[in-house]
PDB file of N, CA and C in Angstrom:
ATOM      1  N   UNK A   1     108.523  88.311  69.436  1.00  0.00           N
ATOM      2  CA  UNK A   1     107.718  88.494  70.622  1.00  0.00           C
ATOM      3  C   UNK A   1     107.731  87.201  71.425  1.00  0.00           C
ATOM      4  N   UNK A   2     107.813  87.310  72.708  1.00  0.00           N
ATOM      5  CA  UNK A   2     107.828  86.148  73.574  1.00  0.00           C
ATOM      6  C   UNK A   2     106.459  85.494  73.605  1.00  0.00           C
ATOM      7  N   UNK A   3     106.414  84.200  73.401  1.00  0.00           N
ATOM      8  CA  UNK A   3     105.168  83.452  73.404  1.00  0.00           C
ATOM      9  C   UNK A   3     105.211  82.427  74.521  1.00  0.00           C
ATOM     10  N   UNK A   4     104.273  82.475  75.464  1.00  0.00           N
ATOM     11  CA  UNK A   4     104.271  81.451  76.498  1.00  0.00           C
ATOM     12  C   UNK A   4     103.843  80.114  75.903  1.00  0.00           C
ATOM     13  N   UNK A   5     104.474  79.060  76.342  1.00  0.00           N
ATOM     14  CA  UNK A   5     104.095  77.718  75.934  1.00  0.00           C
ATOM     15  C   UNK A   5     102.869  77.325  76.737  1.00  0.00           C
ATOM     16  N   UNK A   6     101.895  76.682  76.097  1.00  0.00           N
ATOM     17  CA  UNK A   6     100.633  76.350  76.769  1.00  0.00           C
ATOM     18  C   UNK A   6     100.865  75.627  78.086  1.00  0.00           C
ATOM     19  N   UNK A   7     101.726  74.630  78.111  1.00  0.00           N
ATOM     20  CA  UNK A   7     101.982  73.872  79.335  1.00  0.00           C
ATOM     21  C   UNK A   7     102.819  74.655  80.337  1.00  0.00           C
ATOM     22  N   UNK A   8     103.397  75.735  79.884  1.00  0.00           N
ATOM     23  CA  UNK A   8     104.309  76.514  80.711  1.00  0.00           C
ATOM     24  C   UNK A   8     103.639  77.782  81.241  1.00  0.00           C
ATOM     25  N   UNK A   9     102.333  77.910  81.032  1.00  0.00           N
ATOM     26  CA  UNK A   9     101.613  79.135  81.351  1.00  0.00           C
ATOM     27  C   UNK A   9     101.783  79.572  82.796  1.00  0.00           C
ATOM     28  N   UNK A  10     101.739  78.669  83.739  1.00  0.00           N
ATOM     29  CA  UNK A  10     101.844  79.032  85.143  1.00  0.00           C
ATOM     30  C   UNK A  10     103.241  78.762  85.701  1.00  0.00           C
ATOM     31  N   UNK A  11     104.146  78.332  84.858  1.00  0.00           N
ATOM     32  CA  UNK A  11     105.503  78.033  85.279  1.00  0.00           C
ATOM     33  C   UNK A  11     106.248  79.302  85.659  1.00  0.00           C
ATOM     34  N   UNK A  12     107.170  79.145  86.563  1.00  0.00           N
ATOM     35  CA  UNK A  12     108.015  80.280  86.961  1.00  0.00           C
ATOM     36  C   UNK A  12     108.913  80.719  85.808  1.00  0.00           C
ATOM     37  N   UNK A  13     109.083  79.893  84.774  1.00  0.00           N
ATOM     38  CA  UNK A  13     109.923  80.269  83.622  1.00  0.00           C
ATOM     39  C   UNK A  13     109.168  81.135  82.634  1.00  0.00           C
ATOM     40  N   UNK A  14     107.869  81.229  82.765  1.00  0.00           N
ATOM     41  CA  UNK A  14     107.054  82.023  81.859  1.00  0.00           C
ATOM     42  C   UNK A  14     107.437  83.492  82.026  1.00  0.00           C
ATOM     43  N   UNK A  15     107.866  84.161  80.951  1.00  0.00           N
ATOM     44  CA  UNK A  15     108.316  85.551  81.078  1.00  0.00           C
ATOM     45  C   UNK A  15     107.237  86.494  81.594  1.00  0.00           C
ATOM     46  N   UNK A  16     105.974  86.219  81.261  1.00  0.00           N
ATOM     47  CA  UNK A  16     104.895  87.075  81.744  1.00  0.00           C
ATOM     48  C   UNK A  16     104.689  86.887  83.244  1.00  0.00           C
ATOM     49  N   UNK A  17     104.886  85.673  83.707  1.00  0.00           N
ATOM     50  CA  UNK A  17     104.797  85.387  85.144  1.00  0.00           C
ATOM     51  C   UNK A  17     105.948  86.068  85.895  1.00  0.00           C
ATOM     52  N   UNK A  18     107.129  86.029  85.302  1.00  0.00           N
ATOM     53  CA  UNK A  18     108.301  86.676  85.916  1.00  0.00           C
ATOM     54  C   UNK A  18     108.070  88.178  86.026  1.00  0.00           C
ATOM     55  N   UNK A  19     107.615  88.800  84.945  1.00  0.00           N
ATOM     56  CA  UNK A  19     107.326  90.238  84.966  1.00  0.00           C
ATOM     57  C   UNK A  19     106.231  90.530  85.982  1.00  0.00           C
ATOM     58  N   UNK A  20     105.206  89.703  86.006  1.00  0.00           N
ATOM     59  CA  UNK A  20     104.112  89.890  86.955  1.00  0.00           C
ATOM     60  C   UNK A  20     104.583  89.838  88.396  1.00  0.00           C
ATOM     61  N   UNK A  21     105.441  88.881  88.705  1.00  0.00           N
ATOM     62  CA  UNK A  21     105.995  88.788  90.060  1.00  0.00           C
ATOM     63  C   UNK A  21     106.794  90.036  90.406  1.00  0.00           C
ATOM     64  N   UNK A  22     107.526  90.547  89.421  1.00  0.00           N
ATOM     65  CA  UNK A  22     108.325  91.759  89.646  1.00  0.00           C
ATOM     66  C   UNK A  22     107.423  92.969  89.841  1.00  0.00           C
ATOM     67  N   UNK A  23     106.370  93.075  89.043  1.00  0.00           N
ATOM     68  CA  UNK A  23     105.408  94.180  89.212  1.00  0.00           C
ATOM     69  C   UNK A  23     104.818  94.123  90.617  1.00  0.00           C
ATOM     70  N   UNK A  24     104.411  92.941  91.049  1.00  0.00           N
ATOM     71  CA  UNK A  24     103.825  92.794  92.392  1.00  0.00           C
ATOM     72  C   UNK A  24     104.827  93.223  93.481  1.00  0.00           C
ATOM     73  N   UNK A  25     106.053  92.758  93.352  1.00  0.00           N
ATOM     74  CA  UNK A  25     107.074  93.099  94.354  1.00  0.00           C
ATOM     75  C   UNK A  25     107.334  94.601  94.380  1.00  0.00           C
ATOM     76  N   UNK A  26     107.424  95.222  93.218  1.00  0.00           N
ATOM     77  CA  UNK A  26     107.680  96.663  93.147  1.00  0.00           C
ATOM     78  C   UNK A  26     106.478  97.455  93.665  1.00  0.00           C
ATOM     79  N   UNK A  27     105.279  96.972  93.356  1.00  0.00           N
ATOM     80  CA  UNK A  27     104.068  97.641  93.854  1.00  0.00           C
ATOM     81  C   UNK A  27     104.038  97.612  95.372  1.00  0.00           C
ATOM     82  N   UNK A  28     104.313  96.454  95.938  1.00  0.00           N
ATOM     83  CA  UNK A  28     104.320  96.332  97.400  1.00  0.00           C
ATOM     84  C   UNK A  28     105.430  97.176  98.009  1.00  0.00           C
ATOM     85  N   UNK A  29     106.587  97.190  97.365  1.00  0.00           N
ATOM     86  CA  UNK A  29     107.702  98.013  97.845  1.00  0.00           C
ATOM     87  C   UNK A  29     107.313  99.490  97.859  1.00  0.00           C
ATOM     88  N   UNK A  30     106.501  99.891  96.885  1.00  0.00           N
ATOM     89  CA  UNK A  30     106.047 101.281  96.801  1.00  0.00           C
ATOM     90  C   UNK A  30     104.893 101.569  97.748  1.00  0.00           C
ATOM     91  N   UNK A  31     104.376 100.524  98.396  1.00  0.00           N
ATOM     92  CA  UNK A  31     103.284 100.707  99.342  1.00  0.00           C
ATOM     93  C   UNK A  31     101.953 100.996  98.672  1.00  0.00           C
ATOM     94  N   UNK A  32     101.770 100.465  97.462  1.00  0.00           N
ATOM     95  CA  UNK A  32     100.542 100.718  96.704  1.00  0.00           C
ATOM     96  C   UNK A  32      99.667  99.477  96.655  1.00  0.00           C
ATOM     97  N   UNK A  33      98.363  99.685  96.644  1.00  0.00           N
ATOM     98  CA  UNK A  33      97.423  98.598  96.380  1.00  0.00           C
ATOM     99  C   UNK A  33      97.342  98.427  94.866  1.00  0.00           C
ATOM    100  N   UNK A  34      96.743  97.326  94.432  1.00  0.00           N
ATOM    101  CA  UNK A  34      96.524  97.145  92.992  1.00  0.00           C
ATOM    102  C   UNK A  34      95.676  98.287  92.445  1.00  0.00           C
ATOM    103  N   UNK A  35      94.685  98.687  93.197  1.00  0.00           N
ATOM    104  CA  UNK A  35      93.805  99.771  92.759  1.00  0.00           C
ATOM    105  C   UNK A  35      94.569 101.088  92.607  1.00  0.00           C
ATOM    106  N   UNK A  36      95.424 101.391  93.565  1.00  0.00           N
ATOM    107  CA  UNK A  36      96.209 102.627  93.494  1.00  0.00           C
ATOM    108  C   UNK A  36      97.155 102.611  92.296  1.00  0.00           C
ATOM    109  N   UNK A  37      97.832 101.471  92.084  1.00  0.00           N
ATOM    110  CA  UNK A  37      98.733 101.363  90.937  1.00  0.00           C
ATOM    111  C   UNK A  37      97.951 101.491  89.642  1.00  0.00           C
ATOM    112  N   UNK A  38      96.815 100.832  89.566  1.00  0.00           N
ATOM    113  CA  UNK A  38      95.987 100.902  88.362  1.00  0.00           C
ATOM    114  C   UNK A  38      95.600 102.340  88.047  1.00  0.00           C
ATOM    115  N   UNK A  39      95.202 103.074  89.061  1.00  0.00           N
ATOM    116  CA  UNK A  39      94.817 104.465  88.850  1.00  0.00           C
ATOM    117  C   UNK A  39      95.990 105.284  88.332  1.00  0.00           C
ATOM    118  N   UNK A  40      97.153 105.108  88.938  1.00  0.00           N
ATOM    119  CA  UNK A  40      98.340 105.859  88.517  1.00  0.00           C
ATOM    120  C   UNK A  40      98.783 105.485  87.103  1.00  0.00           C
ATOM    121  N   UNK A  41      98.586 104.211  86.724  1.00  0.00           N
ATOM    122  CA  UNK A  41      99.018 103.733  85.410  1.00  0.00           C
ATOM    123  C   UNK A  41      97.923 103.849  84.353  1.00  0.00           C
ATOM    124  N   UNK A  42      96.743 104.309  84.761  1.00  0.00           N
ATOM    125  CA  UNK A  42      95.599 104.481  83.852  1.00  0.00           C
ATOM    126  C   UNK A  42      95.184 103.156  83.199  1.00  0.00           C
ATOM    127  N   UNK A  43      95.099 102.118  84.038  1.00  0.00           N
ATOM    128  CA  UNK A  43      94.570 100.807  83.628  1.00  0.00           C
ATOM    129  C   UNK A  43      93.611 100.355  84.721  1.00  0.00           C
ATOM    130  N   UNK A  44      92.932  99.249  84.505  1.00  0.00           N
ATOM    131  CA  UNK A  44      92.003  98.773  85.526  1.00  0.00           C
ATOM    132  C   UNK A  44      92.718  97.946  86.593  1.00  0.00           C
ATOM    133  N   UNK A  45      92.083  97.847  87.756  1.00  0.00           N
ATOM    134  CA  UNK A  45      92.647  97.030  88.834  1.00  0.00           C
ATOM    135  C   UNK A  45      92.706  95.577  88.401  1.00  0.00           C
ATOM    136  N   UNK A  46      91.664  95.134  87.685  1.00  0.00           N
ATOM    137  CA  UNK A  46      91.662  93.753  87.196  1.00  0.00           C
ATOM    138  C   UNK A  46      92.845  93.486  86.281  1.00  0.00           C
ATOM    139  N   UNK A  47      93.183  94.454  85.443  1.00  0.00           N
ATOM    140  CA  UNK A  47      94.310  94.290  84.524  1.00  0.00           C
ATOM    141  C   UNK A  47      95.618  94.180  85.303  1.00  0.00           C
ATOM    142  N   UNK A  48      95.781  94.974  86.340  1.00  0.00           N
ATOM    143  CA  UNK A  48      96.988  94.866  87.175  1.00  0.00           C
ATOM    144  C   UNK A  48      97.059  93.471  87.780  1.00  0.00           C
ATOM    145  N   UNK A  49      95.947  92.968  88.282  1.00  0.00           N
ATOM    146  CA  UNK A  49      95.921  91.618  88.843  1.00  0.00           C
ATOM    147  C   UNK A  49      96.300  90.565  87.816  1.00  0.00           C
ATOM    148  N   UNK A  50      95.793  90.707  86.603  1.00  0.00           N
ATOM    149  CA  UNK A  50      96.112  89.755  85.543  1.00  0.00           C
ATOM    150  C   UNK A  50      97.589  89.827  85.165  1.00  0.00           C
ATOM    151  N   UNK A  51      98.148  91.026  85.148  1.00  0.00           N
ATOM    152  CA  UNK A  51      99.578  91.182  84.883  1.00  0.00           C
ATOM    153  C   UNK A  51     100.371  90.481  85.978  1.00  0.00           C
ATOM    154  N   UNK A  52     100.020  90.748  87.221  1.00  0.00           N
ATOM    155  CA  UNK A  52     100.756  90.179  88.348  1.00  0.00           C
ATOM    156  C   UNK A  52     100.687  88.659  88.370  1.00  0.00           C
ATOM    157  N   UNK A  53      99.608  88.086  87.897  1.00  0.00           N
ATOM    158  CA  UNK A  53      99.469  86.631  87.855  1.00  0.00           C
ATOM    159  C   UNK A  53     100.042  86.030  86.570  1.00  0.00           C
ATOM    160  N   UNK A  54     100.543  86.874  85.670  1.00  0.00           N
ATOM    161  CA  UNK A  54     101.109  86.389  84.417  1.00  0.00           C
ATOM    162  C   UNK A  54     100.067  85.908  83.432  1.00  0.00           C
ATOM    163  N   UNK A  55      98.848  86.377  83.576  1.00  0.00           N
ATOM    164  CA  UNK A  55      97.746  85.941  82.719  1.00  0.00           C
ATOM    165  C   UNK A  55      97.606  86.778  81.446  1.00  0.00           C
ATOM    166  N   UNK A  56      98.204  87.943  81.424  1.00  0.00           N
ATOM    167  CA  UNK A  56      98.096  88.839  80.267  1.00  0.00           C
ATOM    168  C   UNK A  56      99.449  88.988  79.595  1.00  0.00           C
ATOM    169  N   UNK A  57      99.406  89.106  78.287  1.00  0.00           N
ATOM    170  CA  UNK A  57     100.610  89.420  77.521  1.00  0.00           C
ATOM    171  C   UNK A  57     100.739  90.940  77.523  1.00  0.00           C
ATOM    172  N   UNK A  58     101.372  91.428  78.533  1.00  0.00           N
ATOM    173  CA  UNK A  58     101.459  92.869  78.737  1.00  0.00           C
ATOM    174  C   UNK A  58     102.301  93.501  77.630  1.00  0.00           C
ATOM    175  N   UNK A  59     101.827  94.638  77.107  1.00  0.00           N
ATOM    176  CA  UNK A  59     102.545  95.335  76.043  1.00  0.00           C
ATOM    177  C   UNK A  59     103.615  96.242  76.637  1.00  0.00           C
ATOM    178  N   UNK A  60     104.533  96.666  75.795  1.00  0.00           N
ATOM    179  CA  UNK A  60     105.558  97.608  76.242  1.00  0.00           C
ATOM    180  C   UNK A  60     104.933  98.929  76.660  1.00  0.00           C
ATOM    181  N   UNK A  61     103.885  99.343  75.959  1.00  0.00           N
ATOM    182  CA  UNK A  61     103.201 100.586  76.335  1.00  0.00           C
ATOM    183  C   UNK A  61     102.664 100.496  77.757  1.00  0.00           C
ATOM    184  N   UNK A  62     102.023  99.367  78.068  1.00  0.00           N
ATOM    185  CA  UNK A  62     101.476  99.203  79.412  1.00  0.00           C
ATOM    186  C   UNK A  62     102.586  99.060  80.437  1.00  0.00           C
ATOM    187  N   UNK A  63     103.643  98.322  80.097  1.00  0.00           N
ATOM    188  CA  UNK A  63     104.774  98.207  81.030  1.00  0.00           C
ATOM    189  C   UNK A  63     105.367  99.588  81.318  1.00  0.00           C
ATOM    190  N   UNK A  64     105.437 100.424  80.302  1.00  0.00           N
ATOM    191  CA  UNK A  64     105.965 101.777  80.495  1.00  0.00           C
ATOM    192  C   UNK A  64     105.063 102.575  81.441  1.00  0.00           C
ATOM    193  N   UNK A  65     103.753 102.443  81.297  1.00  0.00           N
ATOM    194  CA  UNK A  65     102.821 103.135  82.192  1.00  0.00           C
ATOM    195  C   UNK A  65     102.982 102.648  83.633  1.00  0.00           C
ATOM    196  N   UNK A  66     103.107 101.321  83.783  1.00  0.00           N
ATOM    197  CA  UNK A  66     103.249 100.738  85.118  1.00  0.00           C
ATOM    198  C   UNK A  66     104.569 101.182  85.737  1.00  0.00           C
ATOM    199  N   UNK A  67     105.639 101.132  84.949  1.00  0.00           N
ATOM    200  CA  UNK A  67     106.946 101.552  85.454  1.00  0.00           C
ATOM    201  C   UNK A  67     106.918 103.024  85.870  1.00  0.00           C
ATOM    202  N   UNK A  68     106.308 103.860  85.058  1.00  0.00           N
ATOM    203  CA  UNK A  68     106.211 105.283  85.391  1.00  0.00           C
ATOM    204  C   UNK A  68     105.423 105.474  86.684  1.00  0.00           C
ATOM    205  N   UNK A  69     104.330 104.738  86.829  1.00  0.00           N
ATOM    206  CA  UNK A  69     103.515 104.832  88.042  1.00  0.00           C
ATOM    207  C   UNK A  69     104.303 104.385  89.275  1.00  0.00           C
ATOM    208  N   UNK A  70     105.198 103.418  89.082  1.00  0.00           N
ATOM    209  CA  UNK A  70     106.020 102.913  90.184  1.00  0.00           C
ATOM    210  C   UNK A  70     107.303 103.725  90.380  1.00  0.00           C
ATOM    211  N   UNK A  71     107.535 104.675  89.454  1.00  0.00           N
ATOM    212  CA  UNK A  71     108.729 105.533  89.485  1.00  0.00           C
ATOM    213  C   UNK A  71     110.010 104.709  89.369  1.00  0.00           C
ATOM    214  N   UNK A  72     109.953 103.751  88.424  1.00  0.00           N
ATOM    215  CA  UNK A  72     111.121 102.936  88.118  1.00  0.00           C
ATOM    216  C   UNK A  72     111.240 102.831  86.604  1.00  0.00           C
ATOM    217  N   UNK A  73     112.329 102.229  86.137  1.00  0.00           N
ATOM    218  CA  UNK A  73     112.534 102.031  84.705  1.00  0.00           C
ATOM    219  C   UNK A  73     111.925 100.701  84.278  1.00  0.00           C
ATOM    220  N   UNK A  74     111.500 100.630  83.041  1.00  0.00           N
ATOM    221  CA  UNK A  74     110.952  99.388  82.493  1.00  0.00           C
ATOM    222  C   UNK A  74     111.965  98.251  82.660  1.00  0.00           C
ATOM    223  N   UNK A  75     113.234  98.562  82.502  1.00  0.00           N
ATOM    224  CA  UNK A  75     114.277  97.544  82.647  1.00  0.00           C
ATOM    225  C   UNK A  75     114.226  96.844  83.995  1.00  0.00           C
ATOM    226  N   UNK A  76     113.793  97.543  85.023  1.00  0.00           N
ATOM    227  CA  UNK A  76     113.692  96.922  86.336  1.00  0.00           C
ATOM    228  C   UNK A  76     112.583  95.889  86.382  1.00  0.00           C
ATOM    229  N   UNK A  77     111.574  96.044  85.537  1.00  0.00           N
ATOM    230  CA  UNK A  77     110.465  95.083  85.503  1.00  0.00           C
ATOM    231  C   UNK A  77     110.789  93.861  84.656  1.00  0.00           C
ATOM    232  N   UNK A  78     111.785  93.985  83.789  1.00  0.00           N
ATOM    233  CA  UNK A  78     112.106  92.893  82.863  1.00  0.00           C
ATOM    234  C   UNK A  78     113.476  92.273  83.110  1.00  0.00           C
ATOM    235  N   UNK A  79     114.172  92.694  84.112  1.00  0.00           N
ATOM    236  CA  UNK A  79     115.571  92.259  84.312  1.00  0.00           C
ATOM    237  C   UNK A  79     115.728  90.761  84.539  1.00  0.00           C
ATOM    238  N   UNK A  80     114.732  90.084  85.047  1.00  0.00           N
ATOM    239  CA  UNK A  80     114.879  88.670  85.385  1.00  0.00           C
ATOM    240  C   UNK A  80     114.451  87.710  84.279  1.00  0.00           C
ATOM    241  N   UNK A  81     114.052  88.245  83.126  1.00  0.00           N
ATOM    242  CA  UNK A  81     113.670  87.327  82.030  1.00  0.00           C
ATOM    243  C   UNK A  81     114.794  87.189  81.040  1.00  0.00           C
TER     244      UNK A  81
END
C-alpha cells in the first residue's frame, strides 16, 4: 500500500495528492460540484474535498464509487502515479 511520507504530505509527488488533483479535474470536466459528486458516489461532500486535497488515503472501493459517478474508469484516476 502506498504510504505518504510525513514531509511529503502536501507535495505534488504524493500519490494521494495526484489522485485528488485528477478527481478534481474530472469532476470539473463533468460539470459537477463536490456536493453533486458526493451524492452520486454515496460519500460526503467533506470526504470529496479531503480526497481532492490529498488529505485522505482513499480506498479502492471509494475510488471505484467516484469513478463510477464520474462515468470513467478507476485507471483514469490513477494514471499519473
